[in-house]
Each structure stands twice: as structure tokens, then as C-alpha cells.
C-alpha atoms as a PDB file:
ATOM      1  CA  UNK A   1      11.883   3.531  18.315  1.00  0.00           C
ATOM      2  CA  UNK A   2      13.686   3.365  21.628  1.00  0.00           C
ATOM      3  CA  UNK A   3      11.705   0.231  22.562  1.00  0.00           C
ATOM      4  CA  UNK A   4      14.355  -2.492  22.389  1.00  0.00           C
ATOM      5  CA  UNK A   5      12.401  -5.211  20.493  1.00  0.00           C
ATOM      6  CA  UNK A   6      11.509  -2.741  17.723  1.00  0.00           C
ATOM      7  CA  UNK A   7      15.040  -1.338  17.637  1.00  0.00           C
ATOM      8  CA  UNK A   8      16.385  -4.895  17.305  1.00  0.00           C
ATOM      9  CA  UNK A   9      14.032  -5.624  14.404  1.00  0.00           C
ATOM     10  CA  UNK A  10      15.206  -2.490  12.618  1.00  0.00           C
ATOM     11  CA  UNK A  11      18.873  -3.227  13.329  1.00  0.00           C
ATOM     12  CA  UNK A  12      18.478  -6.682  11.763  1.00  0.00           C
ATOM     13  CA  UNK A  13      17.541  -4.990   8.497  1.00  0.00           C
ATOM     14  CA  UNK A  14      13.792  -5.604   8.673  1.00  0.00           C
ATOM     15  CA  UNK A  15      11.705  -2.941   6.956  1.00  0.00           C
ATOM     16  CA  UNK A  16       9.067  -2.015   9.546  1.00  0.00           C
ATOM     17  CA  UNK A  17       5.747  -0.501   8.465  1.00  0.00           C
ATOM     18  CA  UNK A  18       2.967   0.701  10.747  1.00  0.00           C
ATOM     19  CA  UNK A  19      -0.755   0.932  10.225  1.00  0.00           C
ATOM     20  CA  UNK A  20      -3.101   3.878  10.371  1.00  0.00           C
ATOM     21  CA  UNK A  21      -5.591   2.207  12.696  1.00  0.00           C
ATOM     22  CA  UNK A  22      -5.213   2.277  16.459  1.00  0.00           C
ATOM     23  CA  UNK A  23      -7.848   1.260  18.989  1.00  0.00           C
ATOM     24  CA  UNK A  24      -8.082   1.644  22.740  1.00  0.00           C
ATOM     25  CA  UNK A  25      -7.139  -1.672  24.325  1.00  0.00           C
ATOM     26  CA  UNK A  26      -8.593  -3.058  27.551  1.00  0.00           C
ATOM     27  CA  UNK A  27      -5.434  -2.185  29.529  1.00  0.00           C
ATOM     28  CA  UNK A  28      -5.698   1.558  28.727  1.00  0.00           C
ATOM     29  CA  UNK A  29      -2.976   1.575  26.067  1.00  0.00           C
ATOM     30  CA  UNK A  30      -3.567   1.918  22.350  1.00  0.00           C
ATOM     31  CA  UNK A  31      -3.318  -1.180  20.173  1.00  0.00           C
ATOM     32  CA  UNK A  32      -2.142  -1.119  16.559  1.00  0.00           C
ATOM     33  CA  UNK A  33      -0.569  -3.356  13.920  1.00  0.00           C
ATOM     34  CA  UNK A  34       2.770  -3.297  12.175  1.00  0.00           C
ATOM     35  CA  UNK A  35       4.375  -5.573   9.671  1.00  0.00           C
ATOM     36  CA  UNK A  36       7.818  -6.289   8.370  1.00  0.00           C
ATOM     37  CA  UNK A  37       8.641  -6.934   4.753  1.00  0.00           C
ATOM     38  CA  UNK A  38      11.680  -9.036   3.982  1.00  0.00           C
ATOM     39  CA  UNK A  39      12.318 -10.606   0.575  1.00  0.00           C
ATOM     40  CA  UNK A  40       8.663 -10.286  -0.400  1.00  0.00           C
ATOM     41  CA  UNK A  41       7.376 -11.940   2.790  1.00  0.00           C
ATOM     42  CA  UNK A  42       5.224 -10.225   5.407  1.00  0.00           C
ATOM     43  CA  UNK A  43       5.269 -10.807   9.158  1.00  0.00           C
ATOM     44  CA  UNK A  44       2.495  -9.124  11.147  1.00  0.00           C
ATOM     45  CA  UNK A  45       2.686  -8.051  14.787  1.00  0.00           C
ATOM     46  CA  UNK A  46       0.438  -6.185  17.192  1.00  0.00           C
ATOM     47  CA  UNK A  47       1.929  -3.494  19.369  1.00  0.00           C
ATOM     48  CA  UNK A  48       0.742  -1.434  22.307  1.00  0.00           C
ATOM     49  CA  UNK A  49       1.671   2.171  22.931  1.00  0.00           C
ATOM     50  CA  UNK A  50       0.900   4.683  25.631  1.00  0.00           C
ATOM     51  CA  UNK A  51      -2.263   6.744  25.332  1.00  0.00           C
ATOM     52  CA  UNK A  52      -0.443   9.973  26.176  1.00  0.00           C
ATOM     53  CA  UNK A  53       2.494  11.854  24.647  1.00  0.00           C
ATOM     54  CA  UNK A  54       5.078  10.825  23.657  1.00  0.00           C
ATOM     55  CA  UNK A  55       2.998   7.674  22.853  1.00  0.00           C
ATOM     56  CA  UNK A  56       5.895   5.325  23.629  1.00  0.00           C
ATOM     57  CA  UNK A  57       5.675   1.701  22.505  1.00  0.00           C
ATOM     58  CA  UNK A  58       5.304  -0.543  25.563  1.00  0.00           C
ATOM     59  CA  UNK A  59       4.917  -4.009  24.008  1.00  0.00           C
ATOM     60  CA  UNK A  60       5.206  -5.897  20.737  1.00  0.00           C
ATOM     61  CA  UNK A  61       3.509  -9.244  20.207  1.00  0.00           C
ATOM     62  CA  UNK A  62       4.934 -12.373  18.742  1.00  0.00           C
ATOM     63  CA  UNK A  63       4.028 -12.804  15.079  1.00  0.00           C
ATOM     64  CA  UNK A  64       0.246 -12.998  14.639  1.00  0.00           C
ATOM     65  CA  UNK A  65      -1.010 -16.388  13.391  1.00  0.00           C
ATOM     66  CA  UNK A  66      -2.453 -15.222  10.079  1.00  0.00           C
ATOM     67  CA  UNK A  67      -3.390 -18.013   7.671  1.00  0.00           C
ATOM     68  CA  UNK A  68      -1.585 -17.561   4.398  1.00  0.00           C
ATOM     69  CA  UNK A  69       1.510 -16.048   6.001  1.00  0.00           C
ATOM     70  CA  UNK A  70       4.005 -14.986   4.765  1.00  0.00           C
ATOM     71  CA  UNK A  71       1.759 -13.647   1.994  1.00  0.00           C
ATOM     72  CA  UNK A  72      -0.849 -12.185   4.359  1.00  0.00           C
ATOM     73  CA  UNK A  73      -1.079  -8.395   4.567  1.00  0.00           C
ATOM     74  CA  UNK A  74      -2.948  -6.743   7.501  1.00  0.00           C
ATOM     75  CA  UNK A  75      -5.600  -4.223   6.550  1.00  0.00           C
ATOM     76  CA  UNK A  76      -7.795  -3.522   9.576  1.00  0.00           C
ATOM     77  CA  UNK A  77      -8.104  -3.703  13.334  1.00  0.00           C
ATOM     78  CA  UNK A  78     -11.219  -3.490  15.502  1.00  0.00           C
ATOM     79  CA  UNK A  79     -12.553  -4.283  18.953  1.00  0.00           C
ATOM     80  CA  UNK A  80     -16.306  -4.863  18.734  1.00  0.00           C
ATOM     81  CA  UNK A  81     -18.400  -3.035  21.363  1.00  0.00           C
ATOM     82  CA  UNK A  82     -19.055  -5.019  24.541  1.00  0.00           C
ATOM     83  CA  UNK A  83     -16.676  -7.768  23.441  1.00  0.00           C
ATOM     84  CA  UNK A  84     -13.447  -9.188  24.745  1.00  0.00           C
ATOM     85  CA  UNK A  85     -12.229  -9.885  21.229  1.00  0.00           C
ATOM     86  CA  UNK A  86      -9.831  -8.292  18.767  1.00  0.00           C
ATOM     87  CA  UNK A  87     -10.531  -8.585  15.038  1.00  0.00           C
ATOM     88  CA  UNK A  88      -7.717  -8.303  12.484  1.00  0.00           C
ATOM     89  CA  UNK A  89      -8.722  -8.176   8.832  1.00  0.00           C
ATOM     90  CA  UNK A  90      -6.173  -9.098   6.202  1.00  0.00           C
ATOM     91  CA  UNK A  91      -5.690 -10.135   2.616  1.00  0.00           C
ATOM     92  CA  UNK A  92      -3.767 -13.085   1.226  1.00  0.00           C
ATOM     93  CA  UNK A  93      -1.916 -12.772  -2.100  1.00  0.00           C
ATOM     94  CA  UNK A  94      -4.269  -9.961  -3.175  1.00  0.00           C
ATOM     95  CA  UNK A  95      -6.861 -12.672  -3.834  1.00  0.00           C
ATOM     96  CA  UNK A  96      -8.570 -13.519  -0.528  1.00  0.00           C
ATOM     97  CA  UNK A  97     -10.026 -11.527   2.347  1.00  0.00           C
ATOM     98  CA  UNK A  98      -9.858 -13.051   5.824  1.00  0.00           C
ATOM     99  CA  UNK A  99     -10.233 -12.139   9.481  1.00  0.00           C
ATOM    100  CA  UNK A 100      -8.505 -13.351  12.590  1.00  0.00           C
ATOM    101  CA  UNK A 101     -10.606 -13.130  15.752  1.00  0.00           C
ATOM    102  CA  UNK A 102      -8.652 -13.389  19.008  1.00  0.00           C
ATOM    103  CA  UNK A 103      -9.729 -13.167  22.630  1.00  0.00           C
ATOM    104  CA  UNK A 104      -7.986 -10.586  24.804  1.00  0.00           C
ATOM    105  CA  UNK A 105      -6.440 -13.493  26.736  1.00  0.00           C
ATOM    106  CA  UNK A 106      -4.982 -15.020  23.562  1.00  0.00           C
ATOM    107  CA  UNK A 107      -3.547 -11.713  22.358  1.00  0.00           C
ATOM    108  CA  UNK A 108      -2.226 -10.835  25.823  1.00  0.00           C
ATOM    109  CA  UNK A 109      -0.297 -14.136  25.830  1.00  0.00           C
ATOM    110  CA  UNK A 110       1.367 -13.115  22.541  1.00  0.00           C
ATOM    111  CA  UNK A 111       2.676  -9.993  24.293  1.00  0.00           C
ATOM    112  CA  UNK A 112       4.104 -11.815  27.311  1.00  0.00           C
ATOM    113  CA  UNK A 113       7.582 -12.243  25.822  1.00  0.00           C
ATOM    114  CA  UNK A 114       8.578  -8.558  25.740  1.00  0.00           C
ATOM    115  CA  UNK A 115       6.417  -6.275  27.838  1.00  0.00           C
ATOM    116  CA  UNK A 116       8.166  -3.264  29.305  1.00  0.00           C
ATOM    117  CA  UNK A 117       6.403  -3.101  32.667  1.00  0.00           C
ATOM    118  CA  UNK A 118       2.941  -2.342  31.246  1.00  0.00           C
END
């Protein structure tokens, strides 16, 4: 990616993996999840990307506060209809299923450190 925070993660040797799920976020961008895997430990982040080609990444969140990290693996992402919430489903150590429910305001604050004008 040409988005500097992602490029920096990759340059540090982090193995970056994306997810197949993307949802339309309240700011008009798409929202998706990615995780890094380093020495058997996962770190999960949300990212926003443009809703039009070339679908450039415009923001990456701080690490999401998943209980069970660094052994928590993200598996799903949803925004319930008529809600101002984001739901992240995830598993911990292949033994537990959990969800993290965040308000838009909470998630937006996690993006504040690196937004690229969006």
C-alpha cells in the first residue's frame, strides 16, 4: 500500500493480512479489518478505504481492544441497520467466540492518529 502507516507496518516485517468483509461506513468510505501476525501473536486493526477505484486506504485504526489479544483472531464485521454501532466478531485460541461492539464515536477516535485528510 502507498498509505504510509500500512507501508511502515510492512517495512517493519509485520505480516499483514486483510479480511474479505467490507461494509459501508457512516463517512462514505468502506470499513474493513486487517491483522498482523508476528511470532504467533495477532494484532487486529480496522481500516477505511475509498468507495471508488482505486479504493485507496485513507485511515488505519489503533489496535482494536479485543479481549484475549494477542490470541484473538477477527472473523466478522457488521454494522446493524439503523444503528451507530460496529460489531466485530472474533475467536480466542480457537476455543471461544466473542464480539466487540463499538460506537461510531469510539471507533472514530481509534482512527484519529493517522487519518489522511478523510
